[in-house]
């Protein structure tokens, strides 16, 4: 018997992400290869028939996002093999299984309903722990060891927060950790304002709240972060994009619309 997800609101969007990784893994020459996601989704009762199927644009975008975040996480672990990784709003992400170097301390954090589903497919170990918490309830930071290089990952998360909430998360990380950096997904204000037109969001009871033109703007928030770099989705794998996206990607306002931002917290 398949597992019922019982997810609602923002946590339900994790099914979009894992379905996208599932579909891409089934591709002959996929951008990513994530058999753990296939294994998981085959055990969950989900209806992806007809219009409920994840759009091709989301499949490609999620796969490129995964590729970029994996590359940056690998780079962090290469430089800090005994470091700490904190995956904020982890959903059913499988990054630990793909990238575990046997030395990293890894924490997957999400709301109770998300972790409850996650426990059907993942088991904690000495180096791999779950934290049931809202990202905005900052008491979770007490569970993370201090004094080691720490990488925070915010994938498919901050677009559902207000700018003040994003700022508050970054401020609290800065206050609690002395050697930390974050890689976060962001979108342009234009895309954020049009969540009601997003093929995979408009049928769900969620909206995008935050968008930003460039990660360089975050340096100006005055919270002690340094902009390292940003990586635009539409700079990669353009041959896989739907035709309309290929055309739109020729224009900078759209090409830079979806990105991963890398920030370092100043000590």
C-alpha atoms as a PDB file:
ATOM      1  CA  UNK A   1       0.000   0.000   0.000  1.00  0.00           C
ATOM      2  CA  UNK A   2       1.328   3.416  -0.938  1.00  0.00           C
ATOM      3  CA  UNK A   3       1.933   6.132   1.651  1.00  0.00           C
ATOM      4  CA  UNK A   4      -0.539   9.021   1.844  1.00  0.00           C
ATOM      5  CA  UNK A   5       1.303  12.351   1.974  1.00  0.00           C
ATOM      6  CA  UNK A   6      -1.362  14.511   3.718  1.00  0.00           C
ATOM      7  CA  UNK A   7       0.693  17.605   2.836  1.00  0.00           C
ATOM      8  CA  UNK A   8      -0.919  21.037   2.603  1.00  0.00           C
ATOM      9  CA  UNK A   9       0.107  24.623   1.820  1.00  0.00           C
ATOM     10  CA  UNK A  10       3.835  25.249   1.204  1.00  0.00           C
ATOM     11  CA  UNK A  11       4.956  21.720   2.281  1.00  0.00           C
ATOM     12  CA  UNK A  12       2.864  20.306  -0.574  1.00  0.00           C
ATOM     13  CA  UNK A  13       5.218  21.982  -3.046  1.00  0.00           C
ATOM     14  CA  UNK A  14       7.919  19.452  -2.127  1.00  0.00           C
ATOM     15  CA  UNK A  15       6.027  16.997  -4.331  1.00  0.00           C
ATOM     16  CA  UNK A  16       6.650  19.276  -7.327  1.00  0.00           C
ATOM     17  CA  UNK A  17      10.392  19.165  -6.669  1.00  0.00           C
ATOM     18  CA  UNK A  18      10.676  15.423  -6.171  1.00  0.00           C
ATOM     19  CA  UNK A  19       8.444  14.740  -9.177  1.00  0.00           C
ATOM     20  CA  UNK A  20      10.690  16.975 -11.293  1.00  0.00           C
ATOM     21  CA  UNK A  21      13.785  15.066 -10.148  1.00  0.00           C
ATOM     22  CA  UNK A  22      11.938  11.792 -10.749  1.00  0.00           C
ATOM     23  CA  UNK A  23      11.082  12.733 -14.335  1.00  0.00           C
ATOM     24  CA  UNK A  24      14.567  14.046 -15.090  1.00  0.00           C
ATOM     25  CA  UNK A  25      16.181  10.884 -13.747  1.00  0.00           C
ATOM     26  CA  UNK A  26      14.033   8.917 -16.202  1.00  0.00           C
ATOM     27  CA  UNK A  27      15.423  10.967 -19.120  1.00  0.00           C
ATOM     28  CA  UNK A  28      18.039   9.220 -21.265  1.00  0.00           C
ATOM     29  CA  UNK A  29      20.621  11.978 -20.807  1.00  0.00           C
ATOM     30  CA  UNK A  30      19.198  13.772 -17.794  1.00  0.00           C
ATOM     31  CA  UNK A  31      20.742  16.824 -16.184  1.00  0.00           C
ATOM     32  CA  UNK A  32      20.711  14.973 -12.861  1.00  0.00           C
ATOM     33  CA  UNK A  33      20.547  11.338 -11.778  1.00  0.00           C
ATOM     34  CA  UNK A  34      18.606  10.852  -8.554  1.00  0.00           C
ATOM     35  CA  UNK A  35      17.446   7.240  -8.117  1.00  0.00           C
ATOM     36  CA  UNK A  36      16.581   7.866  -4.461  1.00  0.00           C
ATOM     37  CA  UNK A  37      13.863  10.299  -5.562  1.00  0.00           C
ATOM     38  CA  UNK A  38      12.470   7.651  -7.915  1.00  0.00           C
ATOM     39  CA  UNK A  39      12.473   5.113  -5.095  1.00  0.00           C
ATOM     40  CA  UNK A  40      10.644   7.526  -2.771  1.00  0.00           C
ATOM     41  CA  UNK A  41       8.014   8.786  -5.179  1.00  0.00           C
ATOM     42  CA  UNK A  42       7.129   5.269  -6.274  1.00  0.00           C
ATOM     43  CA  UNK A  43       5.975   4.703  -2.675  1.00  0.00           C
ATOM     44  CA  UNK A  44       3.802   7.835  -2.303  1.00  0.00           C
ATOM     45  CA  UNK A  45       0.183   8.037  -3.408  1.00  0.00           C
ATOM     46  CA  UNK A  46       0.248  11.074  -5.718  1.00  0.00           C
ATOM     47  CA  UNK A  47      -1.907  11.991  -8.678  1.00  0.00           C
ATOM     48  CA  UNK A  48       0.148  13.516 -11.488  1.00  0.00           C
ATOM     49  CA  UNK A  49      -2.346  12.791 -14.232  1.00  0.00           C
ATOM     50  CA  UNK A  50      -3.295  15.373 -16.861  1.00  0.00           C
ATOM     51  CA  UNK A  51      -2.821  18.975 -15.749  1.00  0.00           C
ATOM     52  CA  UNK A  52      -1.522  17.776 -12.386  1.00  0.00           C
ATOM     53  CA  UNK A  53       1.694  16.626 -14.034  1.00  0.00           C
ATOM     54  CA  UNK A  54       4.735  18.783 -13.351  1.00  0.00           C
ATOM     55  CA  UNK A  55       5.430  21.127 -16.264  1.00  0.00           C
ATOM     56  CA  UNK A  56       8.447  20.634 -18.482  1.00  0.00           C
ATOM     57  CA  UNK A  57       9.712  24.068 -17.414  1.00  0.00           C
ATOM     58  CA  UNK A  58       9.616  23.065 -13.733  1.00  0.00           C
ATOM     59  CA  UNK A  59      11.264  19.744 -14.508  1.00  0.00           C
ATOM     60  CA  UNK A  60      14.190  21.465 -16.216  1.00  0.00           C
ATOM     61  CA  UNK A  61      14.366  24.373 -13.755  1.00  0.00           C
ATOM     62  CA  UNK A  62      14.366  22.100 -10.713  1.00  0.00           C
ATOM     63  CA  UNK A  63      17.031  19.907 -12.288  1.00  0.00           C
ATOM     64  CA  UNK A  64      19.286  22.876 -13.043  1.00  0.00           C
ATOM     65  CA  UNK A  65      18.711  24.179  -9.507  1.00  0.00           C
ATOM     66  CA  UNK A  66      19.711  20.777  -8.140  1.00  0.00           C
ATOM     67  CA  UNK A  67      22.806  20.692 -10.335  1.00  0.00           C
ATOM     68  CA  UNK A  68      23.989  24.129  -9.177  1.00  0.00           C
ATOM     69  CA  UNK A  69      23.336  23.496  -5.488  1.00  0.00           C
ATOM     70  CA  UNK A  70      25.067  20.118  -5.679  1.00  0.00           C
ATOM     71  CA  UNK A  71      28.135  21.690  -7.284  1.00  0.00           C
ATOM     72  CA  UNK A  72      28.344  24.375  -4.599  1.00  0.00           C
ATOM     73  CA  UNK A  73      27.818  21.872  -1.785  1.00  0.00           C
ATOM     74  CA  UNK A  74      30.528  19.598  -3.184  1.00  0.00           C
ATOM     75  CA  UNK A  75      32.892  22.590  -3.348  1.00  0.00           C
ATOM     76  CA  UNK A  76      32.122  23.441   0.294  1.00  0.00           C
ATOM     77  CA  UNK A  77      32.718  19.851   1.439  1.00  0.00           C
ATOM     78  CA  UNK A  78      35.940  19.631  -0.544  1.00  0.00           C
ATOM     79  CA  UNK A  79      37.223  22.672   1.333  1.00  0.00           C
ATOM     80  CA  UNK A  80      35.594  21.705   4.652  1.00  0.00           C
ATOM     81  CA  UNK A  81      35.257  17.891   4.735  1.00  0.00           C
ATOM     82  CA  UNK A  82      34.399  17.927   8.446  1.00  0.00           C
ATOM     83  CA  UNK A  83      32.020  20.857   8.150  1.00  0.00           C
ATOM     84  CA  UNK A  84      28.304  21.175   8.838  1.00  0.00           C
ATOM     85  CA  UNK A  85      25.464  21.405   6.318  1.00  0.00           C
ATOM     86  CA  UNK A  86      22.002  22.636   7.318  1.00  0.00           C
ATOM     87  CA  UNK A  87      19.287  22.071   4.720  1.00  0.00           C
ATOM     88  CA  UNK A  88      16.491  24.555   5.461  1.00  0.00           C
ATOM     89  CA  UNK A  89      13.012  23.471   4.388  1.00  0.00           C
ATOM     90  CA  UNK A  90      14.435  20.170   3.169  1.00  0.00           C
ATOM     91  CA  UNK A  91      11.182  18.572   2.011  1.00  0.00           C
ATOM     92  CA  UNK A  92      12.032  15.238   0.386  1.00  0.00           C
ATOM     93  CA  UNK A  93      15.435  16.385  -0.784  1.00  0.00           C
ATOM     94  CA  UNK A  94      17.987  13.597  -1.287  1.00  0.00           C
ATOM     95  CA  UNK A  95      21.169  15.674  -1.358  1.00  0.00           C
ATOM     96  CA  UNK A  96      22.698  13.967   1.684  1.00  0.00           C
ATOM     97  CA  UNK A  97      22.472  10.603  -0.073  1.00  0.00           C
ATOM     98  CA  UNK A  98      24.128  11.975  -3.188  1.00  0.00           C
ATOM     99  CA  UNK A  99      26.920  13.966  -1.557  1.00  0.00           C
ATOM    100  CA  UNK A 100      27.649  12.439   1.862  1.00  0.00           C
ATOM    101  CA  UNK A 101      31.420  12.244   2.360  1.00  0.00           C
ATOM    102  CA  UNK A 102      31.093  10.222   5.614  1.00  0.00           C
ATOM    103  CA  UNK A 103      32.566  13.123   7.614  1.00  0.00           C
ATOM    104  CA  UNK A 104      30.041  15.947   7.298  1.00  0.00           C
ATOM    105  CA  UNK A 105      27.466  16.649  10.018  1.00  0.00           C
ATOM    106  CA  UNK A 106      24.193  17.105   8.144  1.00  0.00           C
ATOM    107  CA  UNK A 107      20.918  18.512   9.447  1.00  0.00           C
ATOM    108  CA  UNK A 108      17.660  18.383   7.485  1.00  0.00           C
ATOM    109  CA  UNK A 109      15.143  20.884   8.865  1.00  0.00           C
ATOM    110  CA  UNK A 110      11.455  21.233   8.038  1.00  0.00           C
ATOM    111  CA  UNK A 111       7.974  21.470   9.509  1.00  0.00           C
ATOM    112  CA  UNK A 112       6.542  18.544  11.477  1.00  0.00           C
ATOM    113  CA  UNK A 113       4.303  17.286   8.658  1.00  0.00           C
ATOM    114  CA  UNK A 114       7.240  17.280   6.259  1.00  0.00           C
ATOM    115  CA  UNK A 115       9.612  15.455   8.606  1.00  0.00           C
ATOM    116  CA  UNK A 116       6.885  12.919   9.440  1.00  0.00           C
ATOM    117  CA  UNK A 117       6.654  12.003   5.750  1.00  0.00           C
ATOM    118  CA  UNK A 118      10.414  12.090   5.377  1.00  0.00           C
ATOM    119  CA  UNK A 119      10.892   9.516   8.147  1.00  0.00           C
ATOM    120  CA  UNK A 120       9.243   6.898   5.939  1.00  0.00           C
ATOM    121  CA  UNK A 121      12.242   7.004   3.621  1.00  0.00           C
ATOM    122  CA  UNK A 122      15.241   8.269   5.602  1.00  0.00           C
ATOM    123  CA  UNK A 123      16.850   7.179   8.861  1.00  0.00           C
ATOM    124  CA  UNK A 124      18.926   9.331  11.162  1.00  0.00           C
ATOM    125  CA  UNK A 125      22.545   8.443  11.876  1.00  0.00           C
ATOM    126  CA  UNK A 126      25.250   9.960  14.065  1.00  0.00           C
ATOM    127  CA  UNK A 127      26.060  12.404  11.266  1.00  0.00           C
ATOM    128  CA  UNK A 128      22.579  12.849   9.768  1.00  0.00           C
ATOM    129  CA  UNK A 129      19.823  14.390  11.886  1.00  0.00           C
ATOM    130  CA  UNK A 130      16.293  15.763  11.420  1.00  0.00           C
ATOM    131  CA  UNK A 131      15.007  18.930  13.059  1.00  0.00           C
ATOM    132  CA  UNK A 132      11.238  19.487  13.224  1.00  0.00           C
ATOM    133  CA  UNK A 133      10.800  23.244  13.212  1.00  0.00           C
ATOM    134  CA  UNK A 134       9.710  26.262  11.280  1.00  0.00           C
ATOM    135  CA  UNK A 135      12.740  28.001   9.815  1.00  0.00           C
ATOM    136  CA  UNK A 136      11.364  31.156  11.473  1.00  0.00           C
ATOM    137  CA  UNK A 137      11.419  29.628  14.978  1.00  0.00           C
ATOM    138  CA  UNK A 138      15.068  30.354  15.555  1.00  0.00           C
ATOM    139  CA  UNK A 139      15.402  28.070  18.589  1.00  0.00           C
ATOM    140  CA  UNK A 140      16.424  25.355  16.096  1.00  0.00           C
ATOM    141  CA  UNK A 141      19.806  27.041  15.889  1.00  0.00           C
ATOM    142  CA  UNK A 142      20.566  25.759  19.396  1.00  0.00           C
ATOM    143  CA  UNK A 143      20.691  22.220  17.966  1.00  0.00           C
ATOM    144  CA  UNK A 144      23.457  23.031  15.487  1.00  0.00           C
ATOM    145  CA  UNK A 145      27.045  22.684  16.786  1.00  0.00           C
ATOM    146  CA  UNK A 146      29.076  25.873  16.707  1.00  0.00           C
ATOM    147  CA  UNK A 147      32.695  26.498  15.811  1.00  0.00           C
ATOM    148  CA  UNK A 148      32.838  24.638  12.492  1.00  0.00           C
ATOM    149  CA  UNK A 149      32.431  25.924   8.931  1.00  0.00           C
ATOM    150  CA  UNK A 150      28.700  25.718   8.235  1.00  0.00           C
ATOM    151  CA  UNK A 151      26.808  25.782   4.955  1.00  0.00           C
ATOM    152  CA  UNK A 152      23.104  26.637   4.928  1.00  0.00           C
ATOM    153  CA  UNK A 153      20.992  25.626   1.933  1.00  0.00           C
ATOM    154  CA  UNK A 154      17.665  27.339   1.191  1.00  0.00           C
ATOM    155  CA  UNK A 155      16.125  25.637  -1.834  1.00  0.00           C
ATOM    156  CA  UNK A 156      12.519  26.275  -2.815  1.00  0.00           C
ATOM    157  CA  UNK A 157      12.021  28.223   0.414  1.00  0.00           C
ATOM    158  CA  UNK A 158      12.610  31.960   0.550  1.00  0.00           C
ATOM    159  CA  UNK A 159      10.200  32.819  -2.266  1.00  0.00           C
ATOM    160  CA  UNK A 160       7.414  31.918   0.173  1.00  0.00           C
ATOM    161  CA  UNK A 161       8.784  34.348   2.790  1.00  0.00           C
ATOM    162  CA  UNK A 162       8.483  38.117   2.941  1.00  0.00           C
ATOM    163  CA  UNK A 163      11.676  40.134   2.565  1.00  0.00           C
ATOM    164  CA  UNK A 164      11.588  40.931   6.287  1.00  0.00           C
ATOM    165  CA  UNK A 165      11.401  37.211   7.069  1.00  0.00           C
ATOM    166  CA  UNK A 166      14.325  36.455   4.756  1.00  0.00           C
ATOM    167  CA  UNK A 167      16.286  39.261   6.392  1.00  0.00           C
ATOM    168  CA  UNK A 168      15.450  37.909   9.850  1.00  0.00           C
ATOM    169  CA  UNK A 169      16.712  34.425   8.950  1.00  0.00           C
ATOM    170  CA  UNK A 170      19.995  35.842   7.675  1.00  0.00           C
ATOM    171  CA  UNK A 171      20.394  38.111  10.709  1.00  0.00           C
ATOM    172  CA  UNK A 172      19.905  35.213  13.103  1.00  0.00           C
ATOM    173  CA  UNK A 173      22.386  33.020  11.255  1.00  0.00           C
ATOM    174  CA  UNK A 174      24.886  35.879  11.408  1.00  0.00           C
ATOM    175  CA  UNK A 175      24.305  36.261  15.172  1.00  0.00           C
ATOM    176  CA  UNK A 176      24.650  32.556  15.983  1.00  0.00           C
ATOM    177  CA  UNK A 177      27.399  31.266  13.682  1.00  0.00           C
ATOM    178  CA  UNK A 178      30.930  32.587  13.252  1.00  0.00           C
ATOM    179  CA  UNK A 179      31.993  30.793  10.057  1.00  0.00           C
ATOM    180  CA  UNK A 180      28.927  30.401   7.880  1.00  0.00           C
ATOM    181  CA  UNK A 181      27.726  30.788   4.321  1.00  0.00           C
ATOM    182  CA  UNK A 182      24.434  30.234   2.546  1.00  0.00           C
ATOM    183  CA  UNK A 183      23.345  29.212  -0.919  1.00  0.00           C
ATOM    184  CA  UNK A 184      19.772  30.238  -1.591  1.00  0.00           C
ATOM    185  CA  UNK A 185      17.291  30.124  -4.417  1.00  0.00           C
ATOM    186  CA  UNK A 186      15.768  33.419  -5.496  1.00  0.00           C
ATOM    187  CA  UNK A 187      13.643  34.817  -8.281  1.00  0.00           C
ATOM    188  CA  UNK A 188      13.122  38.260  -9.756  1.00  0.00           C
ATOM    189  CA  UNK A 189      10.352  40.509  -8.386  1.00  0.00           C
ATOM    190  CA  UNK A 190       8.549  40.146 -11.725  1.00  0.00           C
ATOM    191  CA  UNK A 191       8.371  36.368 -11.454  1.00  0.00           C
ATOM    192  CA  UNK A 192       7.366  36.583  -7.792  1.00  0.00           C
ATOM    193  CA  UNK A 193       4.467  38.885  -8.659  1.00  0.00           C
ATOM    194  CA  UNK A 194       3.169  36.409 -11.229  1.00  0.00           C
ATOM    195  CA  UNK A 195       2.918  33.266  -9.112  1.00  0.00           C
ATOM    196  CA  UNK A 196      -0.745  33.036 -10.144  1.00  0.00           C
ATOM    197  CA  UNK A 197       0.502  32.281 -13.670  1.00  0.00           C
ATOM    198  CA  UNK A 198       3.044  29.636 -12.643  1.00  0.00           C
ATOM    199  CA  UNK A 199       1.904  26.332 -14.148  1.00  0.00           C
ATOM    200  CA  UNK A 200       2.674  24.302 -11.023  1.00  0.00           C
ATOM    201  CA  UNK A 201       1.771  26.878  -8.362  1.00  0.00           C
ATOM    202  CA  UNK A 202      -1.455  28.486  -9.570  1.00  0.00           C
ATOM    203  CA  UNK A 203      -3.539  25.424  -8.664  1.00  0.00           C
ATOM    204  CA  UNK A 204      -2.176  25.332  -5.109  1.00  0.00           C
ATOM    205  CA  UNK A 205      -2.956  27.500  -2.113  1.00  0.00           C
ATOM    206  CA  UNK A 206       0.458  29.204  -2.045  1.00  0.00           C
ATOM    207  CA  UNK A 207       1.924  32.424  -3.443  1.00  0.00           C
ATOM    208  CA  UNK A 208       5.407  33.754  -4.006  1.00  0.00           C
ATOM    209  CA  UNK A 209       6.154  36.703  -1.723  1.00  0.00           C
ATOM    210  CA  UNK A 210       9.781  37.658  -2.272  1.00  0.00           C
ATOM    211  CA  UNK A 211      11.851  38.431  -5.314  1.00  0.00           C
ATOM    212  CA  UNK A 212      15.161  40.189  -5.866  1.00  0.00           C
ATOM    213  CA  UNK A 213      17.021  41.382  -8.951  1.00  0.00           C
ATOM    214  CA  UNK A 214      20.496  40.426  -7.723  1.00  0.00           C
ATOM    215  CA  UNK A 215      22.109  38.944  -4.650  1.00  0.00           C
ATOM    216  CA  UNK A 216      24.284  42.054  -4.517  1.00  0.00           C
ATOM    217  CA  UNK A 217      21.259  43.888  -3.113  1.00  0.00           C
ATOM    218  CA  UNK A 218      21.430  41.772   0.056  1.00  0.00           C
ATOM    219  CA  UNK A 219      24.829  43.275   0.892  1.00  0.00           C
ATOM    220  CA  UNK A 220      23.034  46.616   1.223  1.00  0.00           C
ATOM    221  CA  UNK A 221      20.635  45.284   3.873  1.00  0.00           C
ATOM    222  CA  UNK A 222      23.273  46.024   6.499  1.00  0.00           C
ATOM    223  CA  UNK A 223      23.260  42.604   8.147  1.00  0.00           C
ATOM    224  CA  UNK A 224      26.906  41.669   7.612  1.00  0.00           C
ATOM    225  CA  UNK A 225      26.871  39.422   4.558  1.00  0.00           C
ATOM    226  CA  UNK A 226      29.243  39.377   1.605  1.00  0.00           C
ATOM    227  CA  UNK A 227      27.993  38.580  -1.882  1.00  0.00           C
ATOM    228  CA  UNK A 228      30.102  35.792  -3.413  1.00  0.00           C
ATOM    229  CA  UNK A 229      28.356  34.968  -6.677  1.00  0.00           C
ATOM    230  CA  UNK A 230      25.070  34.103  -8.348  1.00  0.00           C
ATOM    231  CA  UNK A 231      24.228  31.463 -10.902  1.00  0.00           C
ATOM    232  CA  UNK A 232      21.409  31.860 -13.414  1.00  0.00           C
ATOM    233  CA  UNK A 233      19.350  28.828 -14.406  1.00  0.00           C
ATOM    234  CA  UNK A 234      18.890  29.896 -18.007  1.00  0.00           C
ATOM    235  CA  UNK A 235      22.634  30.048 -18.615  1.00  0.00           C
ATOM    236  CA  UNK A 236      22.591  26.241 -18.565  1.00  0.00           C
ATOM    237  CA  UNK A 237      21.065  23.516 -20.719  1.00  0.00           C
ATOM    238  CA  UNK A 238      19.235  25.897 -23.047  1.00  0.00           C
ATOM    239  CA  UNK A 239      18.834  23.056 -25.518  1.00  0.00           C
ATOM    240  CA  UNK A 240      16.432  21.449 -23.030  1.00  0.00           C
ATOM    241  CA  UNK A 241      14.248  24.514 -22.479  1.00  0.00           C
ATOM    242  CA  UNK A 242      10.742  24.734 -23.966  1.00  0.00           C
ATOM    243  CA  UNK A 243      10.791  26.868 -27.142  1.00  0.00           C
ATOM    244  CA  UNK A 244       9.216  29.971 -25.563  1.00  0.00           C
ATOM    245  CA  UNK A 245      11.777  29.861 -22.749  1.00  0.00           C
ATOM    246  CA  UNK A 246      14.633  29.632 -25.239  1.00  0.00           C
ATOM    247  CA  UNK A 247      13.434  32.863 -26.830  1.00  0.00           C
ATOM    248  CA  UNK A 248      12.777  34.632 -23.532  1.00  0.00           C
ATOM    249  CA  UNK A 249      16.201  33.589 -22.202  1.00  0.00           C
ATOM    250  CA  UNK A 250      17.753  35.868 -24.830  1.00  0.00           C
ATOM    251  CA  UNK A 251      16.551  38.843 -22.778  1.00  0.00           C
ATOM    252  CA  UNK A 252      18.516  39.651 -19.571  1.00  0.00           C
ATOM    253  CA  UNK A 253      15.416  40.421 -17.471  1.00  0.00           C
ATOM    254  CA  UNK A 254      14.226  36.838 -18.006  1.00  0.00           C
ATOM    255  CA  UNK A 255      17.619  35.122 -18.194  1.00  0.00           C
ATOM    256  CA  UNK A 256      18.449  36.431 -14.724  1.00  0.00           C
ATOM    257  CA  UNK A 257      14.995  35.733 -13.337  1.00  0.00           C
ATOM    258  CA  UNK A 258      15.811  32.444 -11.586  1.00  0.00           C
ATOM    259  CA  UNK A 259      19.070  32.064  -9.727  1.00  0.00           C
ATOM    260  CA  UNK A 260      21.107  30.634  -6.892  1.00  0.00           C
ATOM    261  CA  UNK A 261      22.797  33.256  -4.706  1.00  0.00           C
ATOM    262  CA  UNK A 262      25.922  32.485  -2.687  1.00  0.00           C
ATOM    263  CA  UNK A 263      26.558  34.636   0.383  1.00  0.00           C
ATOM    264  CA  UNK A 264      29.216  34.550   3.096  1.00  0.00           C
ATOM    265  CA  UNK A 265      28.519  35.864   6.589  1.00  0.00           C
ATOM    266  CA  UNK A 266      31.168  38.288   7.786  1.00  0.00           C
ATOM    267  CA  UNK A 267      32.953  37.294  10.998  1.00  0.00           C
END
